[in-house]
Amino acid sequence: MKKLLVLLLTSFLLIFLSACTGYSSTPIEPNENNMIITIKNNADFDFYGLEAKILNHSPSIVNADGSKVEKGQSLRFELLQEDVALDGKEIEVEVGILNDKQDIVQINKKVTLALVNNKEVFFELTGESINNAVLKRVE
């Protein structure tokens, strides 16, 4: 019962947070107070969102209507200076994929990232199934 409650709360939080950032008429741009991480979906499997574990934060992004992430769609995480020190420190980021059962499936390989303000970094998600998903940095 407790696990179900946690799952429901997590799902609600994911949907609520995505509604705040998902459909802005003006795209978020990097500036002196933030950093943007953009992940383009080129995977051959269906999924419904992403979660990034960055230091002690775990921002998530999903479509506000709960629909699957379409192939070719880009998801953007905004890291704010007030939440994460954007001081050039290099960290490992673990990314999870939200499946159709609302479970988070972790990608096996972590990515390295330098936390720098006024910067946008680009990644691509590929793979034939959620269990062999690959996240790689693109320039």
N, C-alpha and C. Protein backbone atom coordinates (compact mmCIF):
# COMPACT_ATOMS: atom_id res chain seq x y z
N MET A 1 0.84 -1.19 0.00
CA MET A 1 0.00 0.00 0.00
C MET A 1 0.87 1.25 0.00
N LYS A 2 1.93 1.21 0.81
CA LYS A 2 2.82 2.36 0.91
C LYS A 2 3.52 2.62 -0.43
N LYS A 3 3.92 1.53 -1.10
CA LYS A 3 4.58 1.65 -2.40
C LYS A 3 3.63 2.28 -3.42
N LEU A 4 2.37 1.88 -3.40
CA LEU A 4 1.38 2.43 -4.31
C LEU A 4 1.19 3.92 -4.07
N LEU A 5 1.15 4.32 -2.81
CA LEU A 5 0.99 5.73 -2.46
C LEU A 5 2.18 6.55 -2.96
N VAL A 6 3.38 6.02 -2.77
CA VAL A 6 4.59 6.71 -3.26
C VAL A 6 4.55 6.82 -4.77
N LEU A 7 4.16 5.76 -5.47
CA LEU A 7 4.07 5.77 -6.92
C LEU A 7 3.05 6.80 -7.40
N LEU A 8 1.90 6.85 -6.75
CA LEU A 8 0.88 7.83 -7.14
C LEU A 8 1.35 9.26 -6.89
N LEU A 9 1.98 9.51 -5.76
CA LEU A 9 2.50 10.84 -5.47
C LEU A 9 3.58 11.25 -6.47
N THR A 10 4.46 10.32 -6.80
CA THR A 10 5.52 10.60 -7.78
C THR A 10 4.91 10.92 -9.14
N SER A 11 3.93 10.14 -9.56
CA SER A 11 3.28 10.38 -10.85
C SER A 11 2.61 11.76 -10.86
N PHE A 12 1.91 12.09 -9.80
CA PHE A 12 1.26 13.39 -9.72
C PHE A 12 2.28 14.52 -9.79
N LEU A 13 3.37 14.38 -9.05
CA LEU A 13 4.41 15.40 -9.05
C LEU A 13 5.02 15.56 -10.43
N LEU A 14 5.29 14.45 -11.12
CA LEU A 14 5.83 14.51 -12.47
C LEU A 14 4.90 15.28 -13.41
N ILE A 15 3.63 14.97 -13.35
CA ILE A 15 2.66 15.64 -14.21
C ILE A 15 2.55 17.12 -13.85
N PHE A 16 2.51 17.43 -12.56
CA PHE A 16 2.41 18.82 -12.13
C PHE A 16 3.62 19.64 -12.57
N LEU A 17 4.82 19.10 -12.35
CA LEU A 17 6.03 19.83 -12.72
C LEU A 17 6.15 20.01 -14.23
N SER A 18 5.74 19.03 -14.99
CA SER A 18 5.84 19.16 -16.44
C SER A 18 4.87 20.21 -16.96
N ALA A 19 3.73 20.36 -16.30
CA ALA A 19 2.77 21.37 -16.73
C ALA A 19 3.34 22.76 -16.57
N CYS A 20 4.27 22.92 -15.66
CA CYS A 20 4.86 24.23 -15.43
C CYS A 20 5.86 24.62 -16.50
N THR A 21 6.52 23.64 -17.13
CA THR A 21 7.58 23.97 -18.08
C THR A 21 7.37 23.42 -19.47
N GLY A 22 6.45 22.51 -19.66
CA GLY A 22 6.35 21.80 -20.92
C GLY A 22 5.87 22.59 -22.11
N TYR A 23 4.96 23.54 -21.97
CA TYR A 23 4.36 24.18 -23.12
C TYR A 23 4.42 25.70 -23.05
N SER A 24 5.55 26.21 -22.76
CA SER A 24 5.74 27.65 -22.73
C SER A 24 5.83 28.16 -24.16
N SER A 25 5.25 29.33 -24.42
CA SER A 25 5.32 29.89 -25.76
C SER A 25 6.71 30.40 -26.08
N THR A 26 7.49 30.71 -25.06
CA THR A 26 8.87 31.15 -25.24
C THR A 26 9.80 30.07 -24.69
N PRO A 27 10.65 29.51 -25.56
CA PRO A 27 11.56 28.46 -25.07
C PRO A 27 12.51 29.01 -24.01
N ILE A 28 12.88 28.14 -23.09
CA ILE A 28 13.85 28.51 -22.05
C ILE A 28 15.20 28.64 -22.73
N GLU A 29 15.90 29.69 -22.45
CA GLU A 29 17.22 29.92 -23.01
C GLU A 29 18.25 29.93 -21.89
N PRO A 30 19.47 29.48 -22.17
CA PRO A 30 20.51 29.55 -21.15
C PRO A 30 20.85 31.00 -20.82
N ASN A 31 21.13 31.25 -19.54
CA ASN A 31 21.54 32.59 -19.11
C ASN A 31 22.47 32.46 -17.91
N GLU A 32 22.84 33.57 -17.31
CA GLU A 32 23.81 33.55 -16.21
C GLU A 32 23.29 32.87 -14.95
N ASN A 33 21.97 32.57 -14.89
CA ASN A 33 21.38 31.95 -13.71
C ASN A 33 20.91 30.51 -13.94
N ASN A 34 21.21 29.95 -15.12
CA ASN A 34 20.73 28.60 -15.38
C ASN A 34 21.65 27.86 -16.34
N MET A 35 21.31 26.59 -16.51
CA MET A 35 21.94 25.71 -17.50
C MET A 35 20.82 24.84 -18.05
N ILE A 36 20.87 24.55 -19.34
CA ILE A 36 19.83 23.75 -19.98
C ILE A 36 20.43 22.41 -20.44
N ILE A 37 19.71 21.33 -20.16
CA ILE A 37 20.06 20.01 -20.68
C ILE A 37 18.92 19.60 -21.61
N THR A 38 19.25 19.36 -22.89
CA THR A 38 18.26 18.97 -23.88
C THR A 38 18.53 17.53 -24.32
N ILE A 39 17.50 16.69 -24.25
CA ILE A 39 17.61 15.29 -24.65
C ILE A 39 16.61 15.05 -25.78
N LYS A 40 17.14 14.66 -26.94
CA LYS A 40 16.29 14.37 -28.10
C LYS A 40 15.98 12.87 -28.14
N ASN A 41 14.72 12.54 -28.33
CA ASN A 41 14.28 11.15 -28.41
C ASN A 41 14.46 10.61 -29.82
N ASN A 42 15.41 9.72 -29.99
CA ASN A 42 15.58 8.98 -31.24
C ASN A 42 15.49 7.48 -30.97
N ALA A 43 14.79 7.13 -29.90
CA ALA A 43 14.65 5.72 -29.50
C ALA A 43 13.52 5.05 -30.28
N ASP A 44 13.63 3.74 -30.41
CA ASP A 44 12.63 2.95 -31.12
C ASP A 44 11.66 2.26 -30.16
N PHE A 45 11.43 2.83 -29.00
CA PHE A 45 10.50 2.29 -28.03
C PHE A 45 9.68 3.44 -27.45
N ASP A 46 8.53 3.11 -26.89
CA ASP A 46 7.66 4.12 -26.29
C ASP A 46 8.06 4.37 -24.84
N PHE A 47 8.01 5.64 -24.45
CA PHE A 47 8.19 6.01 -23.05
C PHE A 47 7.45 7.31 -22.79
N TYR A 48 7.33 7.67 -21.51
CA TYR A 48 6.44 8.76 -21.12
C TYR A 48 7.12 9.90 -20.40
N GLY A 49 8.41 9.81 -20.17
CA GLY A 49 9.13 10.90 -19.53
C GLY A 49 10.52 10.48 -19.12
N LEU A 50 11.27 11.44 -18.59
CA LEU A 50 12.64 11.21 -18.15
C LEU A 50 12.84 11.81 -16.77
N GLU A 51 13.75 11.21 -16.02
CA GLU A 51 14.16 11.72 -14.72
C GLU A 51 15.69 11.76 -14.71
N ALA A 52 16.25 12.86 -14.27
CA ALA A 52 17.71 13.00 -14.17
C ALA A 52 18.09 13.15 -12.71
N LYS A 53 19.04 12.34 -12.25
CA LYS A 53 19.54 12.46 -10.88
C LYS A 53 20.80 13.30 -10.94
N ILE A 54 20.67 14.55 -10.47
CA ILE A 54 21.76 15.52 -10.50
C ILE A 54 22.03 15.96 -9.07
N LEU A 55 23.17 15.52 -8.53
CA LEU A 55 23.51 15.76 -7.12
C LEU A 55 22.36 15.30 -6.26
N ASN A 56 21.77 16.17 -5.45
CA ASN A 56 20.65 15.75 -4.60
C ASN A 56 19.30 16.17 -5.18
N HIS A 57 19.26 16.46 -6.47
CA HIS A 57 18.02 16.83 -7.15
C HIS A 57 17.67 15.76 -8.18
N SER A 58 16.38 15.58 -8.41
CA SER A 58 15.91 14.62 -9.41
C SER A 58 14.80 15.24 -10.24
N PRO A 59 15.17 16.20 -11.10
CA PRO A 59 14.12 16.81 -11.94
C PRO A 59 13.58 15.78 -12.93
N SER A 60 12.30 15.89 -13.21
CA SER A 60 11.63 15.00 -14.16
C SER A 60 10.87 15.83 -15.17
N ILE A 61 10.66 15.25 -16.32
CA ILE A 61 9.86 15.94 -17.33
C ILE A 61 9.00 14.93 -18.06
N VAL A 62 7.72 15.28 -18.22
CA VAL A 62 6.75 14.48 -18.96
C VAL A 62 5.88 15.45 -19.75
N ASN A 63 5.15 14.93 -20.71
CA ASN A 63 4.17 15.76 -21.41
C ASN A 63 3.02 16.07 -20.46
N ALA A 64 2.53 17.28 -20.49
CA ALA A 64 1.48 17.71 -19.57
C ALA A 64 0.21 16.87 -19.69
N ASP A 65 -0.06 16.35 -20.88
CA ASP A 65 -1.27 15.55 -21.07
C ASP A 65 -1.04 14.06 -20.79
N GLY A 66 0.17 13.70 -20.34
CA GLY A 66 0.47 12.32 -20.01
C GLY A 66 0.76 11.43 -21.21
N SER A 67 0.83 12.02 -22.40
CA SER A 67 1.08 11.24 -23.61
C SER A 67 2.52 10.79 -23.69
N LYS A 68 2.76 9.81 -24.56
CA LYS A 68 4.13 9.31 -24.73
C LYS A 68 4.99 10.38 -25.41
N VAL A 69 6.27 10.27 -25.20
CA VAL A 69 7.24 11.17 -25.83
C VAL A 69 7.43 10.67 -27.26
N GLU A 70 7.17 11.53 -28.22
CA GLU A 70 7.26 11.14 -29.62
C GLU A 70 8.70 11.08 -30.10
N LYS A 71 8.95 10.21 -31.05
CA LYS A 71 10.28 10.13 -31.66
C LYS A 71 10.58 11.47 -32.33
N GLY A 72 11.76 12.01 -32.07
CA GLY A 72 12.14 13.33 -32.60
C GLY A 72 11.87 14.47 -31.63
N GLN A 73 11.06 14.23 -30.61
CA GLN A 73 10.75 15.25 -29.61
C GLN A 73 11.94 15.48 -28.70
N SER A 74 12.17 16.72 -28.33
CA SER A 74 13.23 17.06 -27.39
C SER A 74 12.64 17.42 -26.05
N LEU A 75 13.26 16.92 -24.99
CA LEU A 75 12.88 17.24 -23.62
C LEU A 75 13.99 18.09 -23.03
N ARG A 76 13.61 19.15 -22.30
CA ARG A 76 14.60 20.09 -21.78
C ARG A 76 14.49 20.21 -20.27
N PHE A 77 15.63 20.05 -19.60
CA PHE A 77 15.74 20.26 -18.16
C PHE A 77 16.42 21.60 -17.95
N GLU A 78 15.88 22.40 -17.04
CA GLU A 78 16.52 23.66 -16.68
C GLU A 78 17.08 23.51 -15.27
N LEU A 79 18.39 23.71 -15.14
CA LEU A 79 19.04 23.71 -13.83
C LEU A 79 19.24 25.15 -13.41
N LEU A 80 18.72 25.53 -12.27
CA LEU A 80 18.82 26.91 -11.79
C LEU A 80 19.97 27.05 -10.81
N GLN A 81 20.69 28.16 -10.91
CA GLN A 81 21.81 28.46 -10.03
C GLN A 81 21.38 28.40 -8.57
N GLU A 82 20.16 28.79 -8.27
CA GLU A 82 19.69 28.78 -6.88
C GLU A 82 19.49 27.36 -6.33
N ASP A 83 19.37 26.37 -7.22
CA ASP A 83 19.18 24.98 -6.79
C ASP A 83 20.47 24.16 -6.86
N VAL A 84 21.29 24.43 -7.87
CA VAL A 84 22.52 23.67 -8.12
C VAL A 84 23.63 24.66 -8.41
N ALA A 85 24.74 24.54 -7.72
CA ALA A 85 25.88 25.44 -7.96
C ALA A 85 26.44 25.19 -9.36
N LEU A 86 26.28 26.16 -10.23
CA LEU A 86 26.78 26.08 -11.60
C LEU A 86 28.18 26.67 -11.63
N ASP A 87 29.11 25.96 -11.02
CA ASP A 87 30.46 26.47 -10.79
C ASP A 87 31.53 25.73 -11.57
N GLY A 88 31.14 24.96 -12.59
CA GLY A 88 32.10 24.23 -13.41
C GLY A 88 32.42 22.84 -12.89
N LYS A 89 31.88 22.47 -11.73
CA LYS A 89 32.14 21.15 -11.16
C LYS A 89 31.64 20.07 -12.11
N GLU A 90 32.46 19.03 -12.29
CA GLU A 90 32.07 17.91 -13.14
C GLU A 90 31.40 16.84 -12.29
N ILE A 91 30.25 16.37 -12.75
CA ILE A 91 29.47 15.38 -12.00
C ILE A 91 29.02 14.26 -12.93
N GLU A 92 28.55 13.18 -12.34
CA GLU A 92 27.91 12.11 -13.10
C GLU A 92 26.40 12.27 -12.94
N VAL A 93 25.70 12.12 -14.05
CA VAL A 93 24.24 12.23 -14.06
C VAL A 93 23.67 10.87 -14.44
N GLU A 94 22.70 10.42 -13.66
CA GLU A 94 22.01 9.18 -13.94
C GLU A 94 20.62 9.53 -14.47
N VAL A 95 20.25 8.95 -15.59
CA VAL A 95 18.96 9.25 -16.22
C VAL A 95 18.09 8.01 -16.19
N GLY A 96 16.83 8.22 -15.84
CA GLY A 96 15.84 7.15 -15.84
C GLY A 96 14.73 7.45 -16.83
N ILE A 97 14.11 6.39 -17.33
CA ILE A 97 13.05 6.50 -18.33
C ILE A 97 11.75 6.05 -17.69
N LEU A 98 10.71 6.85 -17.84
CA LEU A 98 9.38 6.53 -17.31
C LEU A 98 8.64 5.66 -18.32
N ASN A 99 8.33 4.41 -17.93
CA ASN A 99 7.66 3.50 -18.86
C ASN A 99 6.14 3.62 -18.75
N ASP A 100 5.43 2.79 -19.50
CA ASP A 100 3.97 2.86 -19.53
C ASP A 100 3.31 2.45 -18.22
N LYS A 101 4.05 1.80 -17.33
CA LYS A 101 3.52 1.41 -16.02
C LYS A 101 3.88 2.44 -14.95
N GLN A 102 4.42 3.57 -15.38
CA GLN A 102 4.83 4.66 -14.50
C GLN A 102 6.02 4.28 -13.61
N ASP A 103 6.81 3.29 -14.05
CA ASP A 103 8.04 2.92 -13.35
C ASP A 103 9.21 3.63 -14.00
N ILE A 104 10.23 3.93 -13.21
CA ILE A 104 11.45 4.53 -13.73
C ILE A 104 12.46 3.41 -13.97
N VAL A 105 12.92 3.29 -15.22
CA VAL A 105 13.94 2.31 -15.60
C VAL A 105 15.23 3.08 -15.83
N GLN A 106 16.24 2.79 -15.02
CA GLN A 106 17.51 3.52 -15.11
C GLN A 106 18.30 3.09 -16.34
N ILE A 107 18.89 4.07 -17.02
CA ILE A 107 19.81 3.77 -18.11
C ILE A 107 21.11 3.31 -17.45
N ASN A 108 21.68 2.23 -17.96
CA ASN A 108 22.84 1.61 -17.33
C ASN A 108 24.05 2.52 -17.26
N LYS A 109 24.29 3.33 -18.26
CA LYS A 109 25.49 4.16 -18.30
C LYS A 109 25.17 5.58 -17.82
N LYS A 110 25.97 6.05 -16.87
CA LYS A 110 25.84 7.44 -16.42
C LYS A 110 26.59 8.34 -17.39
N VAL A 111 26.18 9.60 -17.46
CA VAL A 111 26.88 10.57 -18.31
C VAL A 111 27.59 11.58 -17.42
N THR A 112 28.72 12.07 -17.90
CA THR A 112 29.48 13.08 -17.18
C THR A 112 29.10 14.45 -17.73
N LEU A 113 28.99 15.41 -16.81
CA LEU A 113 28.53 16.74 -17.17
C LEU A 113 29.20 17.77 -16.28
N ALA A 114 29.68 18.85 -16.87
CA ALA A 114 30.21 19.97 -16.10
C ALA A 114 29.08 20.97 -15.88
N LEU A 115 28.85 21.33 -14.64
CA LEU A 115 27.78 22.28 -14.30
C LEU A 115 28.28 23.71 -14.54
N VAL A 116 27.79 24.30 -15.63
CA VAL A 116 28.25 25.63 -16.05
C VAL A 116 27.04 26.49 -16.37
N ASN A 117 27.01 27.71 -15.86
CA ASN A 117 25.90 28.60 -16.17
C ASN A 117 25.99 29.09 -17.61
N ASN A 118 24.86 29.55 -18.13
CA ASN A 118 24.76 30.13 -19.47
C ASN A 118 25.21 29.15 -20.55
N LYS A 119 24.81 27.87 -20.38
CA LYS A 119 25.22 26.85 -21.33
C LYS A 119 24.06 25.88 -21.56
N GLU A 120 23.99 25.37 -22.78
CA GLU A 120 23.04 24.31 -23.10
C GLU A 120 23.84 23.12 -23.63
N VAL A 121 23.55 21.94 -23.11
CA VAL A 121 24.20 20.72 -23.57
C VAL A 121 23.13 19.80 -24.17
N PHE A 122 23.54 19.04 -25.18
CA PHE A 122 22.61 18.23 -25.95
C PHE A 122 22.96 16.75 -25.84
N PHE A 123 21.92 15.94 -25.65
CA PHE A 123 22.06 14.49 -25.60
C PHE A 123 21.03 13.88 -26.54
N GLU A 124 21.28 12.62 -26.89
CA GLU A 124 20.36 11.87 -27.74
C GLU A 124 20.09 10.54 -27.06
N LEU A 125 18.81 10.15 -27.03
CA LEU A 125 18.40 8.86 -26.48
C LEU A 125 18.10 7.93 -27.64
N THR A 126 18.78 6.78 -27.67
CA THR A 126 18.57 5.79 -28.73
C THR A 126 18.39 4.42 -28.10
N GLY A 127 18.06 3.45 -28.94
CA GLY A 127 17.93 2.07 -28.49
C GLY A 127 16.67 1.44 -29.04
N GLU A 128 16.67 0.11 -29.10
CA GLU A 128 15.52 -0.63 -29.62
C GLU A 128 14.52 -0.98 -28.54
N SER A 129 14.96 -0.99 -27.27
CA SER A 129 14.05 -1.27 -26.15
C SER A 129 14.50 -0.44 -24.95
N ILE A 130 13.60 -0.30 -24.00
CA ILE A 130 13.90 0.51 -22.82
C ILE A 130 15.07 -0.09 -22.02
N ASN A 131 15.25 -1.40 -22.10
CA ASN A 131 16.32 -2.05 -21.35
C ASN A 131 17.70 -1.92 -22.00
N ASN A 132 17.76 -1.54 -23.27
CA ASN A 132 19.07 -1.31 -23.90
C ASN A 132 19.20 0.13 -24.38
N ALA A 133 18.51 1.04 -23.72
CA ALA A 133 18.56 2.46 -24.08
C ALA A 133 19.98 3.01 -23.90
N VAL A 134 20.35 3.90 -24.80
CA VAL A 134 21.67 4.54 -24.75
C VAL A 134 21.47 6.05 -24.78
N LEU A 135 22.13 6.72 -23.85
CA LEU A 135 22.11 8.18 -23.82
C LEU A 135 23.52 8.66 -24.13
N LYS A 136 23.66 9.45 -25.20
CA LYS A 136 24.99 9.94 -25.55
C LYS A 136 24.93 11.43 -25.84
N ARG A 137 26.06 12.06 -25.55
CA ARG A 137 26.17 13.50 -25.77
C ARG A 137 26.42 13.77 -27.24
N VAL A 138 25.77 14.79 -27.76
CA VAL A 138 25.98 15.23 -29.13
C VAL A 138 26.39 16.70 -29.11
N GLU A 139 27.20 17.08 -30.04
CA GLU A 139 27.70 18.47 -30.10
C GLU A 139 26.93 19.28 -31.10
